[in-house]
Structures are given as C-alpha cells and as structure tokens.
N, C-alpha and C. Protein backbone atom coordinates (compact mmCIF):
# COMPACT_ATOMS: atom_id res chain seq x y z
N UNK A 1 280.89 101.01 -121.61
CA UNK A 1 282.27 100.70 -121.89
C UNK A 1 282.42 99.18 -122.00
N UNK A 2 283.08 98.69 -123.04
CA UNK A 2 283.29 97.26 -123.26
C UNK A 2 284.33 96.72 -122.30
N UNK A 3 284.09 95.50 -121.83
CA UNK A 3 285.03 94.86 -120.90
C UNK A 3 286.22 94.30 -121.66
N UNK A 4 287.39 94.39 -121.06
CA UNK A 4 288.58 93.81 -121.66
C UNK A 4 288.62 92.32 -121.40
N UNK A 5 289.13 91.57 -122.35
CA UNK A 5 289.26 90.12 -122.22
C UNK A 5 290.70 89.71 -122.44
N UNK A 6 291.12 88.66 -121.74
CA UNK A 6 292.46 88.12 -121.98
C UNK A 6 292.43 86.61 -121.79
N UNK A 7 293.25 85.95 -122.57
CA UNK A 7 293.41 84.50 -122.50
C UNK A 7 294.89 84.22 -122.30
N UNK A 8 295.22 83.46 -121.26
CA UNK A 8 296.62 83.19 -120.94
C UNK A 8 296.88 81.70 -120.85
N UNK A 9 298.04 81.29 -121.35
CA UNK A 9 298.50 79.91 -121.25
C UNK A 9 299.82 79.90 -120.52
N UNK A 10 299.99 78.99 -119.57
CA UNK A 10 301.26 78.82 -118.86
C UNK A 10 301.76 77.41 -119.16
N UNK A 11 302.98 77.32 -119.68
CA UNK A 11 303.56 76.04 -120.06
C UNK A 11 304.67 75.66 -119.09
N UNK A 12 304.86 74.36 -118.91
CA UNK A 12 305.97 73.84 -118.11
C UNK A 12 306.69 72.79 -118.94
N UNK A 13 307.93 72.50 -118.54
CA UNK A 13 308.72 71.50 -119.26
C UNK A 13 309.65 70.78 -118.30
N UNK A 14 310.04 69.58 -118.71
CA UNK A 14 311.11 68.88 -118.02
C UNK A 14 312.17 68.55 -119.07
N UNK A 15 313.01 67.60 -118.84
CA UNK A 15 314.11 67.31 -119.76
C UNK A 15 313.61 66.81 -121.11
N UNK A 16 312.50 66.07 -121.13
CA UNK A 16 312.07 65.42 -122.37
C UNK A 16 310.78 65.96 -122.98
N UNK A 17 309.93 66.64 -122.19
CA UNK A 17 308.63 67.03 -122.73
C UNK A 17 308.15 68.37 -122.19
N UNK A 18 307.09 68.89 -122.82
CA UNK A 18 306.44 70.11 -122.36
C UNK A 18 304.94 69.88 -122.33
N UNK A 19 304.21 70.70 -121.57
CA UNK A 19 302.77 70.57 -121.46
C UNK A 19 302.15 71.91 -121.08
N UNK A 20 300.88 72.00 -121.34
CA UNK A 20 300.10 73.16 -120.93
C UNK A 20 299.71 72.95 -119.47
N UNK A 21 300.23 73.79 -118.58
CA UNK A 21 300.03 73.60 -117.15
C UNK A 21 298.87 74.41 -116.60
N UNK A 22 298.56 75.55 -117.22
CA UNK A 22 297.47 76.38 -116.71
C UNK A 22 296.89 77.20 -117.84
N UNK A 23 295.56 77.27 -117.88
CA UNK A 23 294.85 78.10 -118.84
C UNK A 23 293.96 79.03 -118.03
N UNK A 24 294.00 80.32 -118.34
CA UNK A 24 293.13 81.25 -117.63
C UNK A 24 292.50 82.22 -118.63
N UNK A 25 291.26 82.58 -118.33
CA UNK A 25 290.51 83.51 -119.18
C UNK A 25 289.88 84.56 -118.28
N UNK A 26 290.07 85.81 -118.64
CA UNK A 26 289.51 86.92 -117.87
C UNK A 26 288.67 87.78 -118.80
N UNK A 27 287.47 88.10 -118.33
CA UNK A 27 286.59 88.99 -119.08
C UNK A 27 285.97 89.95 -118.06
N UNK A 28 286.39 91.18 -118.10
CA UNK A 28 285.92 92.15 -117.11
C UNK A 28 286.36 91.75 -115.72
N UNK A 29 285.40 91.59 -114.82
CA UNK A 29 285.71 91.20 -113.44
C UNK A 29 285.69 89.69 -113.23
N UNK A 30 285.34 88.93 -114.26
CA UNK A 30 285.24 87.48 -114.15
C UNK A 30 286.53 86.83 -114.63
N UNK A 31 287.06 85.92 -113.82
CA UNK A 31 288.29 85.22 -114.17
C UNK A 31 288.09 83.73 -113.89
N UNK A 32 288.36 82.89 -114.87
CA UNK A 32 288.27 81.44 -114.71
C UNK A 32 289.58 80.82 -115.14
N UNK A 33 289.92 79.65 -114.57
CA UNK A 33 291.18 79.01 -114.91
C UNK A 33 291.07 77.50 -114.78
N UNK A 34 292.08 76.82 -115.32
CA UNK A 34 292.22 75.37 -115.23
C UNK A 34 293.70 75.09 -115.06
N UNK A 35 294.06 74.36 -114.01
CA UNK A 35 295.48 74.03 -113.81
C UNK A 35 295.75 72.54 -114.00
N UNK A 36 294.98 71.94 -114.92
CA UNK A 36 295.16 70.53 -115.26
C UNK A 36 296.20 70.41 -116.37
N UNK A 37 297.03 69.39 -116.33
CA UNK A 37 298.02 69.16 -117.37
C UNK A 37 297.33 68.74 -118.66
N UNK A 38 297.59 69.47 -119.73
CA UNK A 38 296.98 69.19 -121.03
C UNK A 38 298.04 69.20 -122.13
N UNK A 39 297.78 68.49 -123.19
CA UNK A 39 298.57 68.54 -124.43
C UNK A 39 300.05 68.26 -124.22
N UNK A 40 300.39 67.20 -123.55
CA UNK A 40 301.79 66.85 -123.32
C UNK A 40 302.44 66.41 -124.63
N UNK A 41 303.59 66.98 -124.94
CA UNK A 41 304.34 66.66 -126.16
C UNK A 41 305.83 66.63 -125.84
N UNK A 42 306.58 65.94 -126.70
CA UNK A 42 308.04 65.91 -126.55
C UNK A 42 308.61 67.26 -126.92
N UNK A 43 309.75 67.60 -126.32
CA UNK A 43 310.43 68.83 -126.71
C UNK A 43 310.78 68.76 -128.19
N UNK A 44 310.60 69.84 -128.89
CA UNK A 44 310.87 69.86 -130.32
C UNK A 44 309.66 69.46 -131.16
N UNK A 45 308.49 69.29 -130.52
CA UNK A 45 307.26 68.99 -131.24
C UNK A 45 306.22 70.04 -130.91
N UNK A 46 305.37 70.32 -131.87
CA UNK A 46 304.27 71.24 -131.62
C UNK A 46 302.97 70.45 -131.53
N UNK A 47 301.92 71.12 -131.06
CA UNK A 47 300.59 70.52 -130.94
C UNK A 47 299.67 71.30 -131.86
N UNK A 48 298.91 70.58 -132.67
CA UNK A 48 298.02 71.22 -133.64
C UNK A 48 296.64 70.58 -133.55
N UNK A 49 295.61 71.43 -133.56
CA UNK A 49 294.24 70.93 -133.54
C UNK A 49 293.39 71.80 -134.46
N UNK A 50 292.98 71.23 -135.58
CA UNK A 50 292.14 71.96 -136.52
C UNK A 50 290.68 71.92 -136.12
N UNK A 51 290.26 70.83 -135.49
CA UNK A 51 288.88 70.70 -135.01
C UNK A 51 288.73 71.46 -133.70
N UNK A 52 287.50 71.72 -133.31
CA UNK A 52 287.27 72.39 -132.04
C UNK A 52 287.57 71.47 -130.87
N UNK A 53 288.37 71.93 -129.94
CA UNK A 53 288.71 71.16 -128.75
C UNK A 53 288.35 72.00 -127.54
N UNK A 54 287.68 71.39 -126.57
CA UNK A 54 287.18 72.12 -125.42
C UNK A 54 288.06 71.92 -124.19
N UNK A 55 288.22 73.00 -123.44
CA UNK A 55 288.92 72.98 -122.17
C UNK A 55 287.96 73.57 -121.14
N UNK A 56 287.75 72.87 -120.04
CA UNK A 56 286.83 73.34 -119.00
C UNK A 56 287.61 74.21 -118.02
N UNK A 57 287.13 75.43 -117.82
CA UNK A 57 287.75 76.38 -116.90
C UNK A 57 286.74 76.74 -115.82
N UNK A 58 286.85 76.14 -114.65
CA UNK A 58 285.92 76.41 -113.54
C UNK A 58 284.47 76.34 -113.96
N UNK A 59 284.09 75.33 -114.73
CA UNK A 59 282.71 75.18 -115.17
C UNK A 59 282.40 75.91 -116.46
N UNK A 60 283.27 76.78 -116.92
CA UNK A 60 283.10 77.47 -118.19
C UNK A 60 283.86 76.70 -119.25
N UNK A 61 283.26 76.50 -120.42
CA UNK A 61 283.90 75.74 -121.48
C UNK A 61 284.51 76.69 -122.50
N UNK A 62 285.79 76.55 -122.71
CA UNK A 62 286.52 77.31 -123.73
C UNK A 62 286.80 76.36 -124.89
N UNK A 63 286.32 76.69 -126.07
CA UNK A 63 286.56 75.86 -127.25
C UNK A 63 287.52 76.58 -128.17
N UNK A 64 288.60 75.90 -128.50
CA UNK A 64 289.60 76.47 -129.42
C UNK A 64 289.66 75.60 -130.67
N UNK A 65 289.83 76.24 -131.81
CA UNK A 65 289.89 75.51 -133.09
C UNK A 65 290.92 76.17 -133.99
N UNK A 66 291.45 75.38 -134.92
CA UNK A 66 292.45 75.87 -135.88
C UNK A 66 293.62 76.55 -135.18
N UNK A 67 294.25 75.82 -134.30
CA UNK A 67 295.38 76.40 -133.59
C UNK A 67 296.54 75.45 -133.52
N UNK A 68 297.71 76.05 -133.36
CA UNK A 68 298.96 75.31 -133.28
C UNK A 68 299.80 75.97 -132.20
N UNK A 69 300.41 75.17 -131.33
CA UNK A 69 301.17 75.73 -130.23
C UNK A 69 302.44 74.90 -130.00
N UNK A 70 303.50 75.61 -129.63
CA UNK A 70 304.75 74.98 -129.24
C UNK A 70 305.38 75.87 -128.20
N UNK A 71 305.70 75.31 -127.06
CA UNK A 71 306.15 76.14 -125.95
C UNK A 71 307.66 76.36 -125.93
N UNK A 72 308.43 75.34 -126.24
CA UNK A 72 309.88 75.43 -126.07
C UNK A 72 310.59 74.79 -127.26
N UNK A 73 311.89 75.08 -127.38
CA UNK A 73 312.78 74.47 -128.37
C UNK A 73 312.28 74.61 -129.80
N UNK A 74 312.11 75.84 -130.24
CA UNK A 74 311.75 76.08 -131.63
C UNK A 74 312.94 75.76 -132.53
N UNK A 75 312.66 75.48 -133.79
CA UNK A 75 313.75 75.23 -134.74
C UNK A 75 314.54 76.52 -134.93
N UNK A 76 315.64 76.42 -135.61
CA UNK A 76 316.54 77.58 -135.76
C UNK A 76 315.89 78.74 -136.54
N UNK A 77 314.90 78.45 -137.38
CA UNK A 77 314.24 79.50 -138.14
C UNK A 77 313.14 80.18 -137.33
N UNK A 78 312.86 79.72 -136.13
CA UNK A 78 311.81 80.31 -135.31
C UNK A 78 310.42 79.86 -135.71
N UNK A 79 310.33 78.80 -136.51
CA UNK A 79 309.01 78.29 -136.91
C UNK A 79 308.68 77.04 -136.10
N UNK A 80 307.44 76.58 -136.25
CA UNK A 80 307.01 75.38 -135.53
C UNK A 80 307.74 74.15 -136.05
N UNK A 81 308.03 73.24 -135.13
CA UNK A 81 308.61 71.95 -135.52
C UNK A 81 307.49 71.00 -135.91
N UNK A 82 307.82 69.73 -136.14
CA UNK A 82 306.81 68.75 -136.55
C UNK A 82 305.67 68.74 -135.54
N UNK A 83 304.46 68.67 -136.07
CA UNK A 83 303.30 68.76 -135.18
C UNK A 83 302.61 67.41 -135.03
N UNK A 84 302.07 67.19 -133.87
CA UNK A 84 301.21 66.05 -133.61
C UNK A 84 299.79 66.58 -133.52
N UNK A 85 298.89 66.00 -134.29
CA UNK A 85 297.51 66.47 -134.34
C UNK A 85 296.71 65.91 -133.18
N UNK A 86 295.67 66.64 -132.81
CA UNK A 86 294.77 66.14 -131.77
C UNK A 86 293.92 65.01 -132.34
N UNK A 87 293.38 64.19 -131.45
CA UNK A 87 292.63 63.02 -131.89
C UNK A 87 291.30 63.38 -132.53
N UNK A 88 290.85 64.61 -132.41
CA UNK A 88 289.57 65.02 -133.00
C UNK A 88 289.69 65.34 -134.48
N UNK A 89 290.88 65.58 -134.97
CA UNK A 89 291.06 65.91 -136.38
C UNK A 89 290.82 64.69 -137.26
N UNK A 90 290.08 64.85 -138.36
CA UNK A 90 289.87 63.72 -139.27
C UNK A 90 291.20 63.21 -139.81
N UNK A 91 291.36 61.90 -139.85
CA UNK A 91 292.59 61.31 -140.36
C UNK A 91 293.70 61.22 -139.34
N UNK A 92 293.48 61.73 -138.14
CA UNK A 92 294.50 61.70 -137.10
C UNK A 92 293.98 61.05 -135.82
N UNK A 93 293.12 60.06 -135.97
CA UNK A 93 292.57 59.40 -134.80
C UNK A 93 293.58 58.45 -134.19
N UNK A 94 293.45 58.25 -132.93
CA UNK A 94 294.32 57.33 -132.22
C UNK A 94 293.66 55.96 -132.26
N UNK A 95 294.40 54.94 -132.67
CA UNK A 95 293.84 53.61 -132.88
C UNK A 95 293.99 52.70 -131.67
N UNK A 96 294.21 53.23 -130.51
CA UNK A 96 294.43 52.40 -129.33
C UNK A 96 293.21 51.57 -128.97
N UNK A 97 292.04 52.17 -128.95
CA UNK A 97 290.83 51.45 -128.54
C UNK A 97 290.49 50.33 -129.52
N UNK A 98 290.44 50.58 -130.84
CA UNK A 98 290.14 49.47 -131.74
C UNK A 98 291.16 48.33 -131.66
N UNK A 99 292.41 48.66 -131.46
CA UNK A 99 293.44 47.62 -131.34
C UNK A 99 293.22 46.82 -130.06
N UNK A 100 292.90 47.48 -128.96
CA UNK A 100 292.67 46.78 -127.69
C UNK A 100 291.44 45.87 -127.79
N UNK A 101 290.37 46.35 -128.41
CA UNK A 101 289.17 45.53 -128.56
C UNK A 101 289.45 44.32 -129.45
N UNK A 102 290.15 44.53 -130.55
CA UNK A 102 290.51 43.43 -131.44
C UNK A 102 291.37 42.39 -130.75
N UNK A 103 292.33 42.85 -129.96
CA UNK A 103 293.19 41.92 -129.23
C UNK A 103 292.40 41.12 -128.19
N UNK A 104 291.46 41.79 -127.52
CA UNK A 104 290.63 41.09 -126.53
C UNK A 104 289.76 40.03 -127.21
N UNK A 105 289.18 40.36 -128.35
CA UNK A 105 288.36 39.38 -129.08
C UNK A 105 289.20 38.21 -129.58
N UNK A 106 290.40 38.50 -130.08
CA UNK A 106 291.29 37.43 -130.53
C UNK A 106 291.66 36.51 -129.36
N UNK A 107 291.93 37.10 -128.20
CA UNK A 107 292.23 36.31 -127.02
C UNK A 107 291.05 35.43 -126.60
N UNK A 108 289.84 35.97 -126.70
CA UNK A 108 288.65 35.20 -126.36
C UNK A 108 288.46 34.02 -127.31
N UNK A 109 288.72 34.23 -128.60
CA UNK A 109 288.61 33.14 -129.57
C UNK A 109 289.64 32.05 -129.26
N UNK A 110 290.85 32.43 -128.93
CA UNK A 110 291.90 31.46 -128.61
C UNK A 110 291.54 30.66 -127.35
N UNK A 111 291.05 31.33 -126.31
CA UNK A 111 290.66 30.64 -125.08
C UNK A 111 289.53 29.65 -125.36
N UNK A 112 288.54 30.07 -126.16
CA UNK A 112 287.42 29.19 -126.50
C UNK A 112 287.90 27.97 -127.29
N UNK A 113 288.78 28.17 -128.24
CA UNK A 113 289.31 27.08 -129.04
C UNK A 113 290.10 26.10 -128.18
N UNK A 114 290.94 26.60 -127.30
CA UNK A 114 291.72 25.74 -126.41
C UNK A 114 290.80 24.95 -125.49
N UNK A 115 289.77 25.60 -124.94
CA UNK A 115 288.83 24.90 -124.05
C UNK A 115 288.09 23.80 -124.82
N UNK A 116 287.71 24.05 -126.04
CA UNK A 116 287.03 23.05 -126.87
C UNK A 116 287.94 21.86 -127.12
N UNK A 117 289.19 22.13 -127.51
CA UNK A 117 290.13 21.04 -127.80
C UNK A 117 290.45 20.21 -126.56
N UNK A 118 290.61 20.86 -125.42
CA UNK A 118 290.88 20.14 -124.17
C UNK A 118 289.68 19.27 -123.81
N UNK A 119 288.47 19.81 -123.92
CA UNK A 119 287.27 19.02 -123.63
C UNK A 119 287.11 17.86 -124.57
N UNK A 120 287.39 18.06 -125.83
CA UNK A 120 287.27 16.98 -126.82
C UNK A 120 288.30 15.89 -126.55
N UNK A 121 289.52 16.28 -126.22
CA UNK A 121 290.58 15.31 -125.92
C UNK A 121 290.22 14.48 -124.68
N UNK A 122 289.72 15.14 -123.64
CA UNK A 122 289.34 14.42 -122.42
C UNK A 122 288.20 13.44 -122.70
N UNK A 123 287.24 13.86 -123.52
CA UNK A 123 286.09 12.99 -123.83
C UNK A 123 286.57 11.75 -124.60
N UNK A 124 287.47 11.94 -125.55
CA UNK A 124 287.99 10.80 -126.32
C UNK A 124 288.76 9.84 -125.42
N UNK A 125 289.57 10.37 -124.50
CA UNK A 125 290.35 9.49 -123.64
C UNK A 125 289.45 8.72 -122.69
N UNK A 126 288.37 9.33 -122.20
CA UNK A 126 287.43 8.63 -121.33
C UNK A 126 286.70 7.55 -122.11
N UNK A 127 286.26 7.82 -123.35
CA UNK A 127 285.56 6.83 -124.17
C UNK A 127 286.46 5.65 -124.52
N UNK A 128 287.73 5.93 -124.82
CA UNK A 128 288.62 4.83 -125.21
C UNK A 128 288.92 3.92 -124.03
N UNK A 129 288.94 4.44 -122.82
CA UNK A 129 289.20 3.62 -121.64
C UNK A 129 287.98 2.78 -121.29
N UNK A 130 286.79 3.37 -121.33
CA UNK A 130 285.59 2.67 -120.86
C UNK A 130 284.97 1.74 -121.89
N UNK A 131 285.15 2.00 -123.18
CA UNK A 131 284.45 1.18 -124.17
C UNK A 131 285.38 0.61 -125.25
N UNK A 132 286.65 0.58 -124.99
CA UNK A 132 287.58 0.02 -125.94
C UNK A 132 287.70 0.85 -127.22
N UNK A 133 287.38 2.12 -127.16
CA UNK A 133 287.53 2.98 -128.32
C UNK A 133 286.26 3.18 -129.12
N UNK A 134 285.20 2.41 -128.79
CA UNK A 134 283.93 2.52 -129.51
C UNK A 134 282.90 3.22 -128.63
N UNK A 135 282.04 3.97 -129.28
CA UNK A 135 280.95 4.59 -128.53
C UNK A 135 279.79 3.61 -128.48
N UNK A 136 279.15 3.46 -127.34
CA UNK A 136 278.01 2.56 -127.25
C UNK A 136 276.82 3.13 -128.02
N UNK A 137 276.01 2.25 -128.60
CA UNK A 137 274.81 2.67 -129.31
C UNK A 137 273.69 2.74 -128.30
N UNK A 138 273.05 3.90 -128.21
CA UNK A 138 271.95 4.00 -127.24
C UNK A 138 270.77 3.12 -127.67
N UNK A 139 270.13 2.49 -126.71
CA UNK A 139 269.01 1.62 -127.04
C UNK A 139 267.67 2.27 -126.79
C-alpha cells in the first residue's frame, strides 16, 4: 500500500505584511517541519519563484520550483496581486551586495586620496619653513 503524503503551509500576518510561518511535510509515518519565518512580503503582494528554492525541514531539504503564493488580501477578482520574484530567478537578483562593495571601494579611494593630500600638504609646509621654500640638493 502506498503511503499518503501531504505538504502544509501556515501563514501569519500583521498590519503591514505576511510571511510563511511554518512548513510541514508528512509522508507515511514520517513528519518534518520548519517554523522559521520565510518569504516576508507586504500585504497585497504575492511571492513568486520560478527557480528551485530549498527549504530545510528538520534536516530534510524540500525544493520547490515554479510556484506563486499569496496568503492574504487578494484582489477583488480573486487572482494574485503584483508579485515579487525570489533572488534566484534570472533577471530578478538583488543588487545589495554589489552596491555595498562598490560603496566600500569608493570610500577607500576617497580615504586614500585625502591621506595623500594631507601628507603632501604637511611635507610642503615643513620644507617651506626649514629651507625657505627650496628643497636641498643631496650631495
């Protein structure tokens, strides 16, 4: 006799957003779950992931692909509202890391430039005081 399987999602919401609060999978006598907050979205938005996305359930990995979910506040026609794609989908990557790295590099260049200019200014002021503005010729 084949074992029955079930997959359950429990969603929670507050005034402004909703999230996946619990995922559970049962196959025969085996049941695994995850009660970690996942896929937080604003009310009136759906979550869509065309690429495979994995959720760990008590050491078991559940991979879901080509899915769209919205827990609360559907539009008046009962269809999904505007969707936000997962970061794994091509063309929908989140640019936070590249922007942060670029900003850090730009900051490093600015600090280096300021340190160079301050050092050069101090060297000129010391030379002008000690040698009347001229550099001595080494012998």
